[in-house]
Amino acid sequence: MEIKNIQKLVHNWIINYGIRYFNILTNTILLSEEVGEVSRIIARNYGEQSLKKDCKEKEDLGEELSDVLFVLICLANQTGIDLEESFHKKLKKKIRDGERHHKNEKLK
């Protein structure tokens, strides 16, 4: 699915089920909260932190990453950003800068 279609899908969900977008400041805070949830899962499952004793089931990283994506798309929709276009522009910049990593001795 193209990013443009995902942006439309999120917009339609907001209109049909969410009533309206939260304001941009609220969505920015929600994005931070969702990124924190992703960080917690990664720290406990891939890092040095242990799971809490009362945590019976493993948290779903994919679900939390999807929450991040959903709120990120809300912010893009609210601010008129075409994420597909912006992503392709950013990728072109990264391709131009791609040789830098090949020459980095730290990565060998």
PDB file of N, CA and C in Angstrom:
ATOM      1  N   MET A   1       0.843  -1.175   0.000  1.00  0.00           N
ATOM      2  CA  MET A   1       0.000   0.000   0.000  1.00  0.00           C
ATOM      3  C   MET A   1       0.893   1.245   0.000  1.00  0.00           C
ATOM      4  N   GLU A   2       0.542   2.208  -0.799  1.00  0.00           N
ATOM      5  CA  GLU A   2       1.293   3.453  -0.875  1.00  0.00           C
ATOM      6  C   GLU A   2       1.009   4.323   0.349  1.00  0.00           C
ATOM      7  N   ILE A   3       1.966   5.151   0.689  1.00  0.00           N
ATOM      8  CA  ILE A   3       1.824   6.013   1.868  1.00  0.00           C
ATOM      9  C   ILE A   3       0.625   6.947   1.705  1.00  0.00           C
ATOM     10  N   LYS A   4       0.408   7.455   0.492  1.00  0.00           N
ATOM     11  CA  LYS A   4      -0.740   8.335   0.258  1.00  0.00           C
ATOM     12  C   LYS A   4      -2.044   7.643   0.636  1.00  0.00           C
ATOM     13  N   ASN A   5      -2.135   6.366   0.288  1.00  0.00           N
ATOM     14  CA  ASN A   5      -3.349   5.611   0.613  1.00  0.00           C
ATOM     15  C   ASN A   5      -3.482   5.395   2.114  1.00  0.00           C
ATOM     16  N   ILE A   6      -2.370   5.194   2.785  1.00  0.00           N
ATOM     17  CA  ILE A   6      -2.406   5.036   4.240  1.00  0.00           C
ATOM     18  C   ILE A   6      -2.850   6.347   4.888  1.00  0.00           C
ATOM     19  N   GLN A   7      -2.363   7.475   4.365  1.00  0.00           N
ATOM     20  CA  GLN A   7      -2.796   8.771   4.895  1.00  0.00           C
ATOM     21  C   GLN A   7      -4.302   8.950   4.719  1.00  0.00           C
ATOM     22  N   LYS A   8      -4.831   8.543   3.574  1.00  0.00           N
ATOM     23  CA  LYS A   8      -6.279   8.636   3.332  1.00  0.00           C
ATOM     24  C   LYS A   8      -7.039   7.701   4.270  1.00  0.00           C
ATOM     25  N   LEU A   9      -6.519   6.506   4.474  1.00  0.00           N
ATOM     26  CA  LEU A   9      -7.153   5.530   5.357  1.00  0.00           C
ATOM     27  C   LEU A   9      -7.253   6.068   6.783  1.00  0.00           C
ATOM     28  N   VAL A  10      -6.174   6.666   7.278  1.00  0.00           N
ATOM     29  CA  VAL A  10      -6.181   7.253   8.619  1.00  0.00           C
ATOM     30  C   VAL A  10      -7.169   8.412   8.670  1.00  0.00           C
ATOM     31  N   HIS A  11      -7.159   9.259   7.657  1.00  0.00           N
ATOM     32  CA  HIS A  11      -8.088  10.392   7.633  1.00  0.00           C
ATOM     33  C   HIS A  11      -9.537   9.906   7.679  1.00  0.00           C
ATOM     34  N   ASN A  12      -9.839   8.913   6.878  1.00  0.00           N
ATOM     35  CA  ASN A  12     -11.208   8.376   6.864  1.00  0.00           C
ATOM     36  C   ASN A  12     -11.582   7.777   8.212  1.00  0.00           C
ATOM     37  N   TRP A  13     -10.640   7.106   8.867  1.00  0.00           N
ATOM     38  CA  TRP A  13     -10.922   6.546  10.197  1.00  0.00           C
ATOM     39  C   TRP A  13     -11.235   7.671  11.176  1.00  0.00           C
ATOM     40  N   ILE A  14     -10.421   8.730  11.140  1.00  0.00           N
ATOM     41  CA  ILE A  14     -10.631   9.868  12.043  1.00  0.00           C
ATOM     42  C   ILE A  14     -12.025  10.456  11.829  1.00  0.00           C
ATOM     43  N   ILE A  15     -12.392  10.678  10.589  1.00  0.00           N
ATOM     44  CA  ILE A  15     -13.687  11.290  10.271  1.00  0.00           C
ATOM     45  C   ILE A  15     -14.847  10.375  10.674  1.00  0.00           C
ATOM     46  N   ASN A  16     -14.727   9.080  10.419  1.00  0.00           N
ATOM     47  CA  ASN A  16     -15.830   8.147  10.659  1.00  0.00           C
ATOM     48  C   ASN A  16     -15.918   7.629  12.094  1.00  0.00           C
ATOM     49  N   TYR A  17     -14.783   7.504  12.773  1.00  0.00           N
ATOM     50  CA  TYR A  17     -14.786   6.895  14.106  1.00  0.00           C
ATOM     51  C   TYR A  17     -14.202   7.795  15.190  1.00  0.00           C
ATOM     52  N   GLY A  18     -13.267   8.615  14.835  1.00  0.00           N
ATOM     53  CA  GLY A  18     -12.588   9.432  15.826  1.00  0.00           C
ATOM     54  C   GLY A  18     -13.221  10.798  16.031  1.00  0.00           C
ATOM     55  N   ILE A  19     -14.219  11.130  15.256  1.00  0.00           N
ATOM     56  CA  ILE A  19     -14.960  12.388  15.284  1.00  0.00           C
ATOM     57  C   ILE A  19     -14.136  13.529  14.694  1.00  0.00           C
ATOM     58  N   ARG A  20     -12.937  13.767  15.237  1.00  0.00           N
ATOM     59  CA  ARG A  20     -12.050  14.795  14.685  1.00  0.00           C
ATOM     60  C   ARG A  20     -10.625  14.484  15.129  1.00  0.00           C
ATOM     61  N   TYR A  21      -9.676  15.160  14.505  1.00  0.00           N
ATOM     62  CA  TYR A  21      -8.286  15.038  14.935  1.00  0.00           C
ATOM     63  C   TYR A  21      -8.121  15.725  16.289  1.00  0.00           C
ATOM     64  N   PHE A  22      -7.292  15.151  17.158  1.00  0.00           N
ATOM     65  CA  PHE A  22      -6.857  15.898  18.332  1.00  0.00           C
ATOM     66  C   PHE A  22      -6.009  17.055  17.816  1.00  0.00           C
ATOM     67  N   ASN A  23      -5.842  18.110  18.623  1.00  0.00           N
ATOM     68  CA  ASN A  23      -5.025  19.205  18.124  1.00  0.00           C
ATOM     69  C   ASN A  23      -3.565  18.762  17.982  1.00  0.00           C
ATOM     70  N   ILE A  24      -2.805  19.539  17.251  1.00  0.00           N
ATOM     71  CA  ILE A  24      -1.424  19.174  16.923  1.00  0.00           C
ATOM     72  C   ILE A  24      -0.577  18.987  18.176  1.00  0.00           C
ATOM     73  N   LEU A  25      -0.753  19.829  19.159  1.00  0.00           N
ATOM     74  CA  LEU A  25       0.034  19.691  20.391  1.00  0.00           C
ATOM     75  C   LEU A  25      -0.305  18.389  21.112  1.00  0.00           C
ATOM     76  N   THR A  26      -1.584  18.050  21.184  1.00  0.00           N
ATOM     77  CA  THR A  26      -1.994  16.793  21.815  1.00  0.00           C
ATOM     78  C   THR A  26      -1.415  15.612  21.054  1.00  0.00           C
ATOM     79  N   ASN A  27      -1.490  15.642  19.726  1.00  0.00           N
ATOM     80  CA  ASN A  27      -0.942  14.535  18.940  1.00  0.00           C
ATOM     81  C   ASN A  27       0.570  14.429  19.078  1.00  0.00           C
ATOM     82  N   THR A  28       1.245  15.541  19.249  1.00  0.00           N
ATOM     83  CA  THR A  28       2.697  15.491  19.463  1.00  0.00           C
ATOM     84  C   THR A  28       3.017  14.798  20.785  1.00  0.00           C
ATOM     85  N   ILE A  29       2.257  15.103  21.816  1.00  0.00           N
ATOM     86  CA  ILE A  29       2.441  14.444  23.108  1.00  0.00           C
ATOM     87  C   ILE A  29       2.098  12.958  22.990  1.00  0.00           C
ATOM     88  N   LEU A  30       1.020  12.633  22.283  1.00  0.00           N
ATOM     89  CA  LEU A  30       0.652  11.224  22.083  1.00  0.00           C
ATOM     90  C   LEU A  30       1.745  10.470  21.326  1.00  0.00           C
ATOM     91  N   LEU A  31       2.362  11.139  20.348  1.00  0.00           N
ATOM     92  CA  LEU A  31       3.463  10.516  19.615  1.00  0.00           C
ATOM     93  C   LEU A  31       4.616  10.191  20.561  1.00  0.00           C
ATOM     94  N   SER A  32       4.947  11.132  21.428  1.00  0.00           N
ATOM     95  CA  SER A  32       6.014  10.895  22.409  1.00  0.00           C
ATOM     96  C   SER A  32       5.666   9.726  23.325  1.00  0.00           C
ATOM     97  N   GLU A  33       4.422   9.663  23.739  1.00  0.00           N
ATOM     98  CA  GLU A  33       3.963   8.573  24.604  1.00  0.00           C
ATOM     99  C   GLU A  33       4.087   7.221  23.902  1.00  0.00           C
ATOM    100  N   GLU A  34       3.681   7.164  22.640  1.00  0.00           N
ATOM    101  CA  GLU A  34       3.750   5.912  21.889  1.00  0.00           C
ATOM    102  C   GLU A  34       5.201   5.487  21.645  1.00  0.00           C
ATOM    103  N   VAL A  35       6.068   6.442  21.355  1.00  0.00           N
ATOM    104  CA  VAL A  35       7.492   6.124  21.185  1.00  0.00           C
ATOM    105  C   VAL A  35       8.060   5.590  22.498  1.00  0.00           C
ATOM    106  N   GLY A  36       7.610   6.133  23.608  1.00  0.00           N
ATOM    107  CA  GLY A  36       8.028   5.629  24.915  1.00  0.00           C
ATOM    108  C   GLY A  36       7.606   4.184  25.130  1.00  0.00           C
ATOM    109  N   GLU A  37       6.414   3.831  24.677  1.00  0.00           N
ATOM    110  CA  GLU A  37       5.947   2.450  24.806  1.00  0.00           C
ATOM    111  C   GLU A  37       6.790   1.509  23.950  1.00  0.00           C
ATOM    112  N   VAL A  38       7.156   1.950  22.764  1.00  0.00           N
ATOM    113  CA  VAL A  38       8.052   1.158  21.909  1.00  0.00           C
ATOM    114  C   VAL A  38       9.395   0.982  22.613  1.00  0.00           C
ATOM    115  N   SER A  39       9.899   2.056  23.175  1.00  0.00           N
ATOM    116  CA  SER A  39      11.187   2.003  23.870  1.00  0.00           C
ATOM    117  C   SER A  39      11.156   1.037  25.045  1.00  0.00           C
ATOM    118  N   ARG A  40      10.061   1.046  25.796  1.00  0.00           N
ATOM    119  CA  ARG A  40       9.931   0.146  26.942  1.00  0.00           C
ATOM    120  C   ARG A  40       9.983  -1.311  26.492  1.00  0.00           C
ATOM    121  N   ILE A  41       9.268  -1.642  25.439  1.00  0.00           N
ATOM    122  CA  ILE A  41       9.261  -3.019  24.944  1.00  0.00           C
ATOM    123  C   ILE A  41      10.655  -3.430  24.476  1.00  0.00           C
ATOM    124  N   ILE A  42      11.311  -2.566  23.747  1.00  0.00           N
ATOM    125  CA  ILE A  42      12.649  -2.887  23.239  1.00  0.00           C
ATOM    126  C   ILE A  42      13.639  -3.035  24.394  1.00  0.00           C
ATOM    127  N   ALA A  43      13.549  -2.146  25.380  1.00  0.00           N
ATOM    128  CA  ALA A  43      14.459  -2.219  26.525  1.00  0.00           C
ATOM    129  C   ALA A  43      14.293  -3.530  27.288  1.00  0.00           C
ATOM    130  N   ARG A  44      13.059  -4.006  27.389  1.00  0.00           N
ATOM    131  CA  ARG A  44      12.794  -5.224  28.169  1.00  0.00           C
ATOM    132  C   ARG A  44      13.009  -6.493  27.367  1.00  0.00           C
ATOM    133  N   ASN A  45      12.792  -6.442  26.080  1.00  0.00           N
ATOM    134  CA  ASN A  45      12.921  -7.657  25.271  1.00  0.00           C
ATOM    135  C   ASN A  45      14.275  -7.790  24.570  1.00  0.00           C
ATOM    136  N   TYR A  46      14.936  -6.669  24.304  1.00  0.00           N
ATOM    137  CA  TYR A  46      16.199  -6.714  23.575  1.00  0.00           C
ATOM    138  C   TYR A  46      17.345  -6.072  24.358  1.00  0.00           C
ATOM    139  N   GLY A  47      17.004  -5.334  25.378  1.00  0.00           N
ATOM    140  CA  GLY A  47      18.011  -4.645  26.175  1.00  0.00           C
ATOM    141  C   GLY A  47      18.258  -5.353  27.489  1.00  0.00           C
ATOM    142  N   GLU A  48      18.756  -4.618  28.432  1.00  0.00           N
ATOM    143  CA  GLU A  48      19.166  -5.186  29.707  1.00  0.00           C
ATOM    144  C   GLU A  48      18.089  -5.158  30.776  1.00  0.00           C
ATOM    145  N   GLN A  49      17.000  -4.475  30.515  1.00  0.00           N
ATOM    146  CA  GLN A  49      15.921  -4.427  31.500  1.00  0.00           C
ATOM    147  C   GLN A  49      15.156  -5.740  31.522  1.00  0.00           C
ATOM    148  N   SER A  50      14.680  -6.125  32.686  1.00  0.00           N
ATOM    149  CA  SER A  50      13.885  -7.347  32.791  1.00  0.00           C
ATOM    150  C   SER A  50      12.396  -6.990  32.818  1.00  0.00           C
ATOM    151  N   LEU A  51      11.578  -7.987  32.461  1.00  0.00           N
ATOM    152  CA  LEU A  51      10.137  -7.798  32.513  1.00  0.00           C
ATOM    153  C   LEU A  51       9.679  -7.722  33.960  1.00  0.00           C
ATOM    154  N   LYS A  52       8.645  -6.968  34.220  1.00  0.00           N
ATOM    155  CA  LYS A  52       8.072  -6.909  35.558  1.00  0.00           C
ATOM    156  C   LYS A  52       7.393  -8.231  35.878  1.00  0.00           C
ATOM    157  N   LYS A  53       7.370  -8.595  37.148  1.00  0.00           N
ATOM    158  CA  LYS A  53       6.775  -9.864  37.575  1.00  0.00           C
ATOM    159  C   LYS A  53       5.297  -9.954  37.225  1.00  0.00           C
ATOM    160  N   ASP A  54       4.568  -8.840  37.330  1.00  0.00           N
ATOM    161  CA  ASP A  54       3.129  -8.867  37.063  1.00  0.00           C
ATOM    162  C   ASP A  54       2.786  -8.795  35.578  1.00  0.00           C
ATOM    163  N   CYS A  55       3.792  -8.704  34.732  1.00  0.00           N
ATOM    164  CA  CYS A  55       3.574  -8.659  33.278  1.00  0.00           C
ATOM    165  C   CYS A  55       3.452 -10.093  32.773  1.00  0.00           C
ATOM    166  N   LYS A  56       2.217 -10.531  32.531  1.00  0.00           N
ATOM    167  CA  LYS A  56       1.959 -11.922  32.183  1.00  0.00           C
ATOM    168  C   LYS A  56       2.205 -12.226  30.715  1.00  0.00           C
ATOM    169  N   GLU A  57       1.816 -11.314  29.852  1.00  0.00           N
ATOM    170  CA  GLU A  57       1.992 -11.597  28.438  1.00  0.00           C
ATOM    171  C   GLU A  57       2.961 -10.604  27.807  1.00  0.00           C
ATOM    172  N   LYS A  58       3.648 -11.063  26.802  1.00  0.00           N
ATOM    173  CA  LYS A  58       4.621 -10.235  26.102  1.00  0.00           C
ATOM    174  C   LYS A  58       3.886  -9.131  25.336  1.00  0.00           C
ATOM    175  N   GLU A  59       4.356  -7.927  25.480  1.00  0.00           N
ATOM    176  CA  GLU A  59       3.725  -6.814  24.774  1.00  0.00           C
ATOM    177  C   GLU A  59       4.045  -6.910  23.280  1.00  0.00           C
ATOM    178  N   ASP A  60       3.152  -6.402  22.463  1.00  0.00           N
ATOM    179  CA  ASP A  60       3.245  -6.528  21.017  1.00  0.00           C
ATOM    180  C   ASP A  60       3.969  -5.311  20.423  1.00  0.00           C
ATOM    181  N   LEU A  61       5.229  -5.509  20.039  1.00  0.00           N
ATOM    182  CA  LEU A  61       6.016  -4.421  19.464  1.00  0.00           C
ATOM    183  C   LEU A  61       5.383  -3.908  18.176  1.00  0.00           C
ATOM    184  N   GLY A  62       4.888  -4.813  17.348  1.00  0.00           N
ATOM    185  CA  GLY A  62       4.253  -4.403  16.093  1.00  0.00           C
ATOM    186  C   GLY A  62       3.058  -3.495  16.317  1.00  0.00           C
ATOM    187  N   GLU A  63       2.275  -3.817  17.339  1.00  0.00           N
ATOM    188  CA  GLU A  63       1.108  -2.991  17.653  1.00  0.00           C
ATOM    189  C   GLU A  63       1.544  -1.594  18.098  1.00  0.00           C
ATOM    190  N   GLU A  64       2.578  -1.541  18.912  1.00  0.00           N
ATOM    191  CA  GLU A  64       3.055  -0.234  19.394  1.00  0.00           C
ATOM    192  C   GLU A  64       3.697   0.570  18.271  1.00  0.00           C
ATOM    193  N   LEU A  65       4.432  -0.087  17.380  1.00  0.00           N
ATOM    194  CA  LEU A  65       4.998   0.623  16.226  1.00  0.00           C
ATOM    195  C   LEU A  65       3.876   1.159  15.335  1.00  0.00           C
ATOM    196  N   SER A  66       2.802   0.396  15.217  1.00  0.00           N
ATOM    197  CA  SER A  66       1.649   0.851  14.436  1.00  0.00           C
ATOM    198  C   SER A  66       0.987   2.064  15.076  1.00  0.00           C
ATOM    199  N   ASP A  67       0.959   2.104  16.410  1.00  0.00           N
ATOM    200  CA  ASP A  67       0.434   3.288  17.102  1.00  0.00           C
ATOM    201  C   ASP A  67       1.275   4.518  16.772  1.00  0.00           C
ATOM    202  N   VAL A  68       2.598   4.347  16.756  1.00  0.00           N
ATOM    203  CA  VAL A  68       3.500   5.460  16.402  1.00  0.00           C
ATOM    204  C   VAL A  68       3.182   5.927  14.979  1.00  0.00           C
ATOM    205  N   LEU A  69       3.064   4.977  14.072  1.00  0.00           N
ATOM    206  CA  LEU A  69       2.780   5.314  12.674  1.00  0.00           C
ATOM    207  C   LEU A  69       1.448   6.034  12.539  1.00  0.00           C
ATOM    208  N   PHE A  70       0.431   5.569  13.248  1.00  0.00           N
ATOM    209  CA  PHE A  70      -0.895   6.184  13.177  1.00  0.00           C
ATOM    210  C   PHE A  70      -0.840   7.649  13.613  1.00  0.00           C
ATOM    211  N   VAL A  71      -0.221   7.922  14.749  1.00  0.00           N
ATOM    212  CA  VAL A  71      -0.168   9.302  15.252  1.00  0.00           C
ATOM    213  C   VAL A  71       0.710  10.161  14.345  1.00  0.00           C
ATOM    214  N   LEU A  72       1.801   9.596  13.841  1.00  0.00           N
ATOM    215  CA  LEU A  72       2.662  10.317  12.912  1.00  0.00           C
ATOM    216  C   LEU A  72       1.891  10.719  11.658  1.00  0.00           C
ATOM    217  N   ILE A  73       1.075   9.805  11.166  1.00  0.00           N
ATOM    218  CA  ILE A  73       0.259  10.101   9.984  1.00  0.00           C
ATOM    219  C   ILE A  73      -0.797  11.159  10.307  1.00  0.00           C
ATOM    220  N   CYS A  74      -1.364  11.104  11.502  1.00  0.00           N
ATOM    221  CA  CYS A  74      -2.304  12.154  11.906  1.00  0.00           C
ATOM    222  C   CYS A  74      -1.636  13.524  11.845  1.00  0.00           C
ATOM    223  N   LEU A  75      -0.433  13.621  12.381  1.00  0.00           N
ATOM    224  CA  LEU A  75       0.292  14.892  12.367  1.00  0.00           C
ATOM    225  C   LEU A  75       0.571  15.348  10.937  1.00  0.00           C
ATOM    226  N   ALA A  76       0.957  14.428  10.074  1.00  0.00           N
ATOM    227  CA  ALA A  76       1.201  14.785   8.670  1.00  0.00           C
ATOM    228  C   ALA A  76      -0.082  15.285   8.021  1.00  0.00           C
ATOM    229  N   ASN A  77      -1.181  14.577   8.253  1.00  0.00           N
ATOM    230  CA  ASN A  77      -2.466  14.999   7.671  1.00  0.00           C
ATOM    231  C   ASN A  77      -2.870  16.381   8.167  1.00  0.00           C
ATOM    232  N   GLN A  78      -2.691  16.620   9.448  1.00  0.00           N
ATOM    233  CA  GLN A  78      -3.097  17.901  10.029  1.00  0.00           C
ATOM    234  C   GLN A  78      -2.279  19.067   9.508  1.00  0.00           C
ATOM    235  N   THR A  79      -1.039  18.812   9.156  1.00  0.00           N
ATOM    236  CA  THR A  79      -0.155  19.889   8.725  1.00  0.00           C
ATOM    237  C   THR A  79       0.016  19.938   7.212  1.00  0.00           C
ATOM    238  N   GLY A  80      -0.760  19.118   6.496  1.00  0.00           N
ATOM    239  CA  GLY A  80      -0.732  19.151   5.037  1.00  0.00           C
ATOM    240  C   GLY A  80       0.523  18.547   4.423  1.00  0.00           C
ATOM    241  N   ILE A  81       1.158  17.642   5.128  1.00  0.00           N
ATOM    242  CA  ILE A  81       2.380  17.013   4.621  1.00  0.00           C
ATOM    243  C   ILE A  81       2.022  15.771   3.827  1.00  0.00           C
ATOM    244  N   ASP A  82       2.533  15.684   2.617  1.00  0.00           N
ATOM    245  CA  ASP A  82       2.430  14.469   1.812  1.00  0.00           C
ATOM    246  C   ASP A  82       3.642  13.629   2.186  1.00  0.00           C
ATOM    247  N   LEU A  83       3.434  12.635   3.048  1.00  0.00           N
ATOM    248  CA  LEU A  83       4.551  11.837   3.553  1.00  0.00           C
ATOM    249  C   LEU A  83       5.272  11.074   2.446  1.00  0.00           C
ATOM    250  N   GLU A  84       4.535  10.639   1.453  1.00  0.00           N
ATOM    251  CA  GLU A  84       5.174   9.906   0.362  1.00  0.00           C
ATOM    252  C   GLU A  84       6.165  10.802  -0.383  1.00  0.00           C
ATOM    253  N   GLU A  85       5.720  11.993  -0.704  1.00  0.00           N
ATOM    254  CA  GLU A  85       6.593  12.950  -1.387  1.00  0.00           C
ATOM    255  C   GLU A  85       7.784  13.331  -0.497  1.00  0.00           C
ATOM    256  N   SER A  86       7.514  13.607   0.760  1.00  0.00           N
ATOM    257  CA  SER A  86       8.576  13.990   1.691  1.00  0.00           C
ATOM    258  C   SER A  86       9.579  12.858   1.888  1.00  0.00           C
ATOM    259  N   PHE A  87       9.074  11.627   1.964  1.00  0.00           N
ATOM    260  CA  PHE A  87       9.961  10.481   2.151  1.00  0.00           C
ATOM    261  C   PHE A  87      10.882  10.306   0.952  1.00  0.00           C
ATOM    262  N   HIS A  88      10.335  10.438  -0.260  1.00  0.00           N
ATOM    263  CA  HIS A  88      11.161  10.291  -1.466  1.00  0.00           C
ATOM    264  C   HIS A  88      12.222  11.394  -1.544  1.00  0.00           C
ATOM    265  N   LYS A  89      11.866  12.617  -1.164  1.00  0.00           N
ATOM    266  CA  LYS A  89      12.848  13.703  -1.136  1.00  0.00           C
ATOM    267  C   LYS A  89      13.963  13.385  -0.145  1.00  0.00           C
ATOM    268  N   LYS A  90      13.598  12.876   1.032  1.00  0.00           N
ATOM    269  CA  LYS A  90      14.586  12.547   2.059  1.00  0.00           C
ATOM    270  C   LYS A  90      15.474  11.393   1.598  1.00  0.00           C
ATOM    271  N   LEU A  91      14.884  10.411   0.944  1.00  0.00           N
ATOM    272  CA  LEU A  91      15.646   9.269   0.461  1.00  0.00           C
ATOM    273  C   LEU A  91      16.687   9.701  -0.568  1.00  0.00           C
ATOM    274  N   LYS A  92      16.325  10.644  -1.445  1.00  0.00           N
ATOM    275  CA  LYS A  92      17.285  11.151  -2.426  1.00  0.00           C
ATOM    276  C   LYS A  92      18.479  11.794  -1.728  1.00  0.00           C
ATOM    277  N   LYS A  93      18.228  12.534  -0.654  1.00  0.00           N
ATOM    278  CA  LYS A  93      19.321  13.145   0.108  1.00  0.00           C
ATOM    279  C   LYS A  93      20.198  12.078   0.739  1.00  0.00           C
ATOM    280  N   LYS A  94      19.572  11.029   1.263  1.00  0.00           N
ATOM    281  CA  LYS A  94      20.327   9.957   1.907  1.00  0.00           C
ATOM    282  C   LYS A  94      21.149   9.184   0.889  1.00  0.00           C
ATOM    283  N   ILE A  95      20.650   9.011  -0.323  1.00  0.00           N
ATOM    284  CA  ILE A  95      21.408   8.326  -1.374  1.00  0.00           C
ATOM    285  C   ILE A  95      22.641   9.143  -1.735  1.00  0.00           C
ATOM    286  N   ARG A  96      22.487  10.455  -1.820  1.00  0.00           N
ATOM    287  CA  ARG A  96      23.628  11.325  -2.125  1.00  0.00           C
ATOM    288  C   ARG A  96      24.692  11.219  -1.036  1.00  0.00           C
ATOM    289  N   ASP A  97      24.252  10.947   0.186  1.00  0.00           N
ATOM    290  CA  ASP A  97      25.161  10.895   1.328  1.00  0.00           C
ATOM    291  C   ASP A  97      25.609   9.456   1.640  1.00  0.00           C
ATOM    292  N   GLY A  98      25.207   8.506   0.811  1.00  0.00           N
ATOM    293  CA  GLY A  98      25.423   7.090   1.089  1.00  0.00           C
ATOM    294  C   GLY A  98      26.860   6.648   1.184  1.00  0.00           C
ATOM    295  N   GLU A  99      27.751   7.268   0.466  1.00  0.00           N
ATOM    296  CA  GLU A  99      29.162   6.873   0.489  1.00  0.00           C
ATOM    297  C   GLU A  99      29.821   7.119   1.843  1.00  0.00           C
ATOM    298  N   ARG A 100      29.288   8.061   2.568  1.00  0.00           N
ATOM    299  CA  ARG A 100      29.861   8.406   3.876  1.00  0.00           C
ATOM    300  C   ARG A 100      29.942   7.180   4.776  1.00  0.00           C
ATOM    301  N   HIS A 101      28.927   6.341   4.768  1.00  0.00           N
ATOM    302  CA  HIS A 101      28.901   5.174   5.648  1.00  0.00           C
ATOM    303  C   HIS A 101      29.871   4.092   5.179  1.00  0.00           C
ATOM    304  N   HIS A 102      30.055   3.990   3.878  1.00  0.00           N
ATOM    305  CA  HIS A 102      30.992   2.999   3.349  1.00  0.00           C
ATOM    306  C   HIS A 102      32.425   3.356   3.713  1.00  0.00           C
ATOM    307  N   LYS A 103      32.680   4.621   3.903  1.00  0.00           N
ATOM    308  CA  LYS A 103      34.041   5.068   4.230  1.00  0.00           C
ATOM    309  C   LYS A 103      34.278   5.170   5.750  1.00  0.00           C
ATOM    310  N   ASN A 104      33.270   4.876   6.524  1.00  0.00           N
ATOM    311  CA  ASN A 104      33.362   4.982   7.989  1.00  0.00           C
ATOM    312  C   ASN A 104      34.042   3.743   8.548  1.00  0.00           C
ATOM    313  N   GLU A 105      35.229   3.925   9.083  1.00  0.00           N
ATOM    314  CA  GLU A 105      36.005   2.811   9.642  1.00  0.00           C
ATOM    315  C   GLU A 105      35.305   2.177  10.853  1.00  0.00           C
ATOM    316  N   LYS A 106      34.494   2.936  11.562  1.00  0.00           N
ATOM    317  CA  LYS A 106      33.798   2.421  12.733  1.00  0.00           C
ATOM    318  C   LYS A 106      32.783   1.346  12.363  1.00  0.00           C
ATOM    319  N   LEU A 107      32.313   1.345  11.122  1.00  0.00           N
ATOM    320  CA  LEU A 107      31.283   0.415  10.704  1.00  0.00           C
ATOM    321  C   LEU A 107      31.853  -0.858  10.056  1.00  0.00           C
ATOM    322  N   LYS A 108      33.159  -0.947   9.971  1.00  0.00           N
ATOM    323  CA  LYS A 108      33.776  -2.130   9.330  1.00  0.00           C
ATOM    324  C   LYS A 108      34.073  -3.210  10.324  1.00  0.00           C
TER     325      LYS A 108
END
